[in-house]
């Protein structure tokens, strides 16, 4: 008789001890969250406006969501410093490079076109609009490379080409309905033996825990009154 798979657990970026095996797997949204708080200016503008003008209901909701993202950015940046100071090893799927590039590109375009949906439309109509954004995109790409440089000899970028990884990708897609990219991240973590993964995507978080992984996804501290938890934006409801 096959024994049931034991579940993993949520881990808090501030409070929980780092893994004993000295390795943690990165999902792309963690890297983006740590390095590129593109929403910071809008959040600060809303906070400033609220000091002298009542905000509309829509603005209050937006500020609440942006406050959540800002807390997540702060926690992600602090967690990276924990990893650096503890000389942790870091693993990730090589598709992270492509996803970070796309994230950086759209973060830059959103500053001009206001939303990712509009940026995608404008880019689809005329790819040449990227020309004027090349310096900013390269500047942010270099920030990403500088981050990797803070883990000398401790970065393991795994090409998800082996049959065992692809088989696991297909299983996760079929069993849980994960997106292809989430399936690749999770399958690479599972097959490489990484028991700890840092991620904020709710679907990946839930499946990772069900698959026995420790998912570093929460970041509200015990004495943190600032922001209500927002299910669906990162933290798994407790």
Protein backbone atom coordinates (compact mmCIF):
# COMPACT_ATOMS: atom_id res chain seq x y z
CA UNK A 1 0.00 0.00 0.00
CA UNK A 2 1.41 3.38 -1.05
CA UNK A 3 1.69 5.89 1.77
CA UNK A 4 0.15 9.32 1.27
CA UNK A 5 2.52 12.10 0.36
CA UNK A 6 3.18 14.39 3.33
CA UNK A 7 2.36 18.02 2.76
CA UNK A 8 4.87 20.82 2.93
CA UNK A 9 4.32 24.10 4.74
CA UNK A 10 4.27 27.85 4.40
CA UNK A 11 7.37 29.70 5.50
CA UNK A 12 7.67 33.34 6.50
CA UNK A 13 10.45 35.35 4.85
CA UNK A 14 11.25 37.14 8.09
CA UNK A 15 10.62 34.63 10.85
CA UNK A 16 11.49 31.08 9.85
CA UNK A 17 15.03 29.62 9.98
CA UNK A 18 16.64 29.11 6.59
CA UNK A 19 16.85 25.56 5.19
CA UNK A 20 19.41 23.28 6.80
CA UNK A 21 20.53 21.98 3.41
CA UNK A 22 21.60 25.53 2.45
CA UNK A 23 19.71 25.72 -0.84
CA UNK A 24 16.50 27.45 -1.93
CA UNK A 25 14.72 27.56 -5.28
CA UNK A 26 13.66 30.90 -6.79
CA UNK A 27 10.45 31.54 -8.70
CA UNK A 28 10.52 34.51 -11.07
CA UNK A 29 7.93 36.66 -9.31
CA UNK A 30 10.14 36.69 -6.21
CA UNK A 31 13.05 38.15 -8.19
CA UNK A 32 10.84 40.74 -9.88
CA UNK A 33 9.28 41.68 -6.54
CA UNK A 34 12.67 42.13 -4.87
CA UNK A 35 14.32 44.20 -7.59
CA UNK A 36 11.67 46.25 -9.36
CA UNK A 37 9.01 47.98 -7.22
CA UNK A 38 7.47 49.67 -10.27
CA UNK A 39 4.36 50.55 -8.26
CA UNK A 40 6.24 52.53 -5.59
CA UNK A 41 5.73 55.99 -7.11
CA UNK A 42 1.99 55.45 -7.60
CA UNK A 43 1.65 54.17 -4.02
CA UNK A 44 3.53 57.16 -2.60
CA UNK A 45 1.40 59.55 -4.68
CA UNK A 46 -1.81 58.05 -3.32
CA UNK A 47 -0.50 58.23 0.25
CA UNK A 48 0.45 61.86 -0.27
CA UNK A 49 -2.92 62.70 -1.80
CA UNK A 50 -4.74 61.09 1.15
CA UNK A 51 -3.13 63.56 3.55
CA UNK A 52 -5.13 66.48 2.09
CA UNK A 53 -7.90 64.97 -0.08
CA UNK A 54 -10.30 62.08 0.60
CA UNK A 55 -9.58 59.17 -1.72
CA UNK A 56 -12.31 57.57 -3.81
CA UNK A 57 -13.31 53.97 -3.11
CA UNK A 58 -11.36 52.85 -6.18
CA UNK A 59 -8.29 54.76 -4.99
CA UNK A 60 -8.58 53.29 -1.50
CA UNK A 61 -8.70 49.79 -2.95
CA UNK A 62 -5.76 50.54 -5.22
CA UNK A 63 -3.74 51.92 -2.32
CA UNK A 64 -4.51 48.80 -0.28
CA UNK A 65 -3.29 46.52 -3.07
CA UNK A 66 -0.20 48.66 -3.71
CA UNK A 67 0.58 48.66 0.01
CA UNK A 68 0.49 44.87 -0.08
CA UNK A 69 2.89 44.82 -3.05
CA UNK A 70 5.20 47.30 -1.33
CA UNK A 71 5.32 45.11 1.79
CA UNK A 72 6.10 42.16 -0.45
CA UNK A 73 8.92 44.09 -2.12
CA UNK A 74 10.43 45.03 1.23
CA UNK A 75 10.23 41.45 2.48
CA UNK A 76 11.73 40.07 -0.74
CA UNK A 77 14.66 42.48 -0.63
CA UNK A 78 15.26 41.68 3.05
CA UNK A 79 15.07 37.95 2.34
CA UNK A 80 17.74 38.25 -0.35
CA UNK A 81 20.00 39.90 2.21
CA UNK A 82 19.33 36.97 4.58
CA UNK A 83 20.34 34.56 1.84
CA UNK A 84 23.51 36.51 1.07
CA UNK A 85 24.56 36.83 4.70
CA UNK A 86 23.93 33.12 5.30
CA UNK A 87 25.83 32.11 2.13
CA UNK A 88 22.86 30.14 0.87
CA UNK A 89 22.91 28.36 -2.46
CA UNK A 90 20.27 29.34 -5.01
CA UNK A 91 18.70 27.20 -7.73
CA UNK A 92 16.20 28.08 -10.43
CA UNK A 93 14.96 26.95 -13.81
CA UNK A 94 16.74 28.61 -16.71
CA UNK A 95 13.37 29.87 -17.96
CA UNK A 96 13.73 32.46 -15.20
CA UNK A 97 16.06 34.44 -17.47
CA UNK A 98 13.39 34.80 -20.14
CA UNK A 99 10.69 35.62 -17.62
CA UNK A 100 12.82 38.30 -15.94
CA UNK A 101 13.47 39.88 -19.35
CA UNK A 102 9.74 39.99 -20.12
CA UNK A 103 9.03 41.36 -16.65
CA UNK A 104 11.61 44.12 -17.04
CA UNK A 105 10.34 44.99 -20.51
CA UNK A 106 6.73 45.39 -19.45
CA UNK A 107 7.58 47.22 -16.24
CA UNK A 108 9.31 49.84 -18.38
CA UNK A 109 6.49 50.03 -20.96
CA UNK A 110 3.85 50.34 -18.24
CA UNK A 111 5.44 53.62 -17.13
CA UNK A 112 4.47 55.04 -20.54
CA UNK A 113 1.23 53.23 -21.41
CA UNK A 114 -0.29 52.92 -17.94
CA UNK A 115 -1.07 49.21 -17.88
CA UNK A 116 0.38 45.91 -19.06
CA UNK A 117 -2.63 45.28 -21.28
CA UNK A 118 -2.13 48.58 -23.11
CA UNK A 119 1.63 48.03 -23.30
CA UNK A 120 1.08 44.64 -24.93
CA UNK A 121 -1.31 46.19 -27.44
CA UNK A 122 1.09 48.99 -28.33
CA UNK A 123 4.01 46.56 -28.62
CA UNK A 124 1.98 44.23 -30.82
CA UNK A 125 1.08 47.13 -33.11
CA UNK A 126 4.64 48.43 -33.36
CA UNK A 127 7.63 46.54 -31.87
CA UNK A 128 9.82 49.54 -32.72
CA UNK A 129 8.49 51.34 -29.65
CA UNK A 130 11.07 49.33 -27.69
CA UNK A 131 13.88 51.37 -29.24
CA UNK A 132 13.56 54.33 -26.89
CA UNK A 133 13.37 52.00 -23.87
CA UNK A 134 16.54 50.00 -24.53
CA UNK A 135 18.72 51.98 -22.04
CA UNK A 136 16.21 51.53 -19.20
CA UNK A 137 15.68 47.85 -19.98
CA UNK A 138 19.43 47.24 -20.03
CA UNK A 139 19.87 49.18 -16.78
CA UNK A 140 17.33 46.96 -15.03
CA UNK A 141 18.81 43.84 -16.61
CA UNK A 142 22.16 44.79 -15.12
CA UNK A 143 20.50 45.07 -11.69
CA UNK A 144 19.41 41.46 -12.13
CA UNK A 145 22.93 40.39 -13.11
CA UNK A 146 24.33 42.25 -10.10
CA UNK A 147 21.96 40.27 -7.88
CA UNK A 148 23.25 36.98 -9.29
CA UNK A 149 26.80 38.22 -8.73
CA UNK A 150 26.11 38.40 -5.00
CA UNK A 151 26.02 34.59 -4.90
CA UNK A 152 29.48 33.70 -6.29
CA UNK A 153 29.71 29.99 -7.02
CA UNK A 154 26.31 29.42 -5.37
CA UNK A 155 23.96 29.86 -8.34
CA UNK A 156 22.56 26.76 -10.04
CA UNK A 157 20.57 27.53 -13.20
CA UNK A 158 18.96 24.25 -14.27
CA UNK A 159 18.04 23.64 -17.91
CA UNK A 160 14.69 21.81 -17.77
CA UNK A 161 15.49 19.53 -20.70
CA UNK A 162 15.77 16.11 -19.09
CA UNK A 163 12.94 13.65 -19.62
CA UNK A 164 12.34 13.33 -15.88
CA UNK A 165 11.67 17.08 -15.62
CA UNK A 166 9.40 17.18 -18.67
CA UNK A 167 7.48 14.16 -17.37
CA UNK A 168 6.94 15.98 -14.08
CA UNK A 169 5.86 19.12 -15.94
CA UNK A 170 3.19 17.12 -17.76
CA UNK A 171 2.00 15.51 -14.53
CA UNK A 172 1.62 18.87 -12.80
CA UNK A 173 -0.18 20.35 -15.81
CA UNK A 174 -2.61 17.44 -15.97
CA UNK A 175 -3.15 16.95 -12.23
CA UNK A 176 -3.42 20.58 -11.13
CA UNK A 177 -3.93 22.65 -14.26
CA UNK A 178 -0.86 24.81 -13.58
CA UNK A 179 0.38 27.12 -16.32
CA UNK A 180 3.27 25.75 -18.39
CA UNK A 181 5.82 28.09 -16.80
CA UNK A 182 4.65 27.39 -13.24
CA UNK A 183 4.80 23.68 -14.05
CA UNK A 184 8.39 24.03 -15.24
CA UNK A 185 9.46 25.93 -12.12
CA UNK A 186 7.80 23.48 -9.75
CA UNK A 187 8.90 20.38 -11.67
CA UNK A 188 12.49 21.58 -11.72
CA UNK A 189 12.44 22.20 -7.98
CA UNK A 190 10.91 18.80 -7.23
CA UNK A 191 13.17 16.75 -9.51
CA UNK A 192 16.34 18.56 -8.41
CA UNK A 193 15.62 17.75 -4.77
CA UNK A 194 15.10 21.36 -3.64
CA UNK A 195 12.66 21.16 -0.75
CA UNK A 196 12.31 24.92 -0.34
CA UNK A 197 11.00 27.35 -2.92
CA UNK A 198 10.27 31.07 -2.62
CA UNK A 199 7.22 32.11 -4.64
CA UNK A 200 4.16 34.34 -4.40
CA UNK A 201 1.93 32.93 -7.13
CA UNK A 202 -1.06 31.47 -5.33
CA UNK A 203 -1.59 28.45 -7.59
CA UNK A 204 2.09 27.50 -7.50
CA UNK A 205 2.15 28.02 -3.74
CA UNK A 206 -0.84 25.76 -3.12
CA UNK A 207 0.43 23.00 -5.39
CA UNK A 208 3.96 23.24 -4.00
CA UNK A 209 2.68 22.68 -0.47
CA UNK A 210 0.50 19.79 -1.64
CA UNK A 211 3.60 18.29 -3.30
CA UNK A 212 5.54 18.40 -0.03
CA UNK A 213 7.62 21.54 -0.56
CA UNK A 214 8.27 24.30 1.95
CA UNK A 215 7.00 27.40 0.18
CA UNK A 216 8.38 30.74 1.37
CA UNK A 217 5.39 32.92 0.59
CA UNK A 218 4.29 34.84 3.69
CA UNK A 219 5.87 38.01 4.98
CA UNK A 220 3.59 39.72 7.48
CA UNK A 221 5.23 39.99 10.85
CA UNK A 222 3.39 39.36 14.10
CA UNK A 223 3.31 43.03 15.05
CA UNK A 224 2.58 44.35 11.56
CA UNK A 225 -0.71 46.29 11.58
CA UNK A 226 -0.11 47.97 8.24
CA UNK A 227 -1.89 45.93 5.57
CA UNK A 228 -4.62 43.34 5.54
CA UNK A 229 -3.79 40.08 3.81
CA UNK A 230 -4.98 39.96 0.23
CA UNK A 231 -5.79 36.42 -0.94
CA UNK A 232 -4.83 35.84 -4.55
CA UNK A 233 -1.98 38.36 -4.56
CA UNK A 234 0.54 36.12 -2.88
CA UNK A 235 -0.09 34.88 0.63
CA UNK A 236 -2.03 31.69 0.96
CA UNK A 237 -5.02 32.32 3.28
CA UNK A 238 -4.30 30.87 6.71
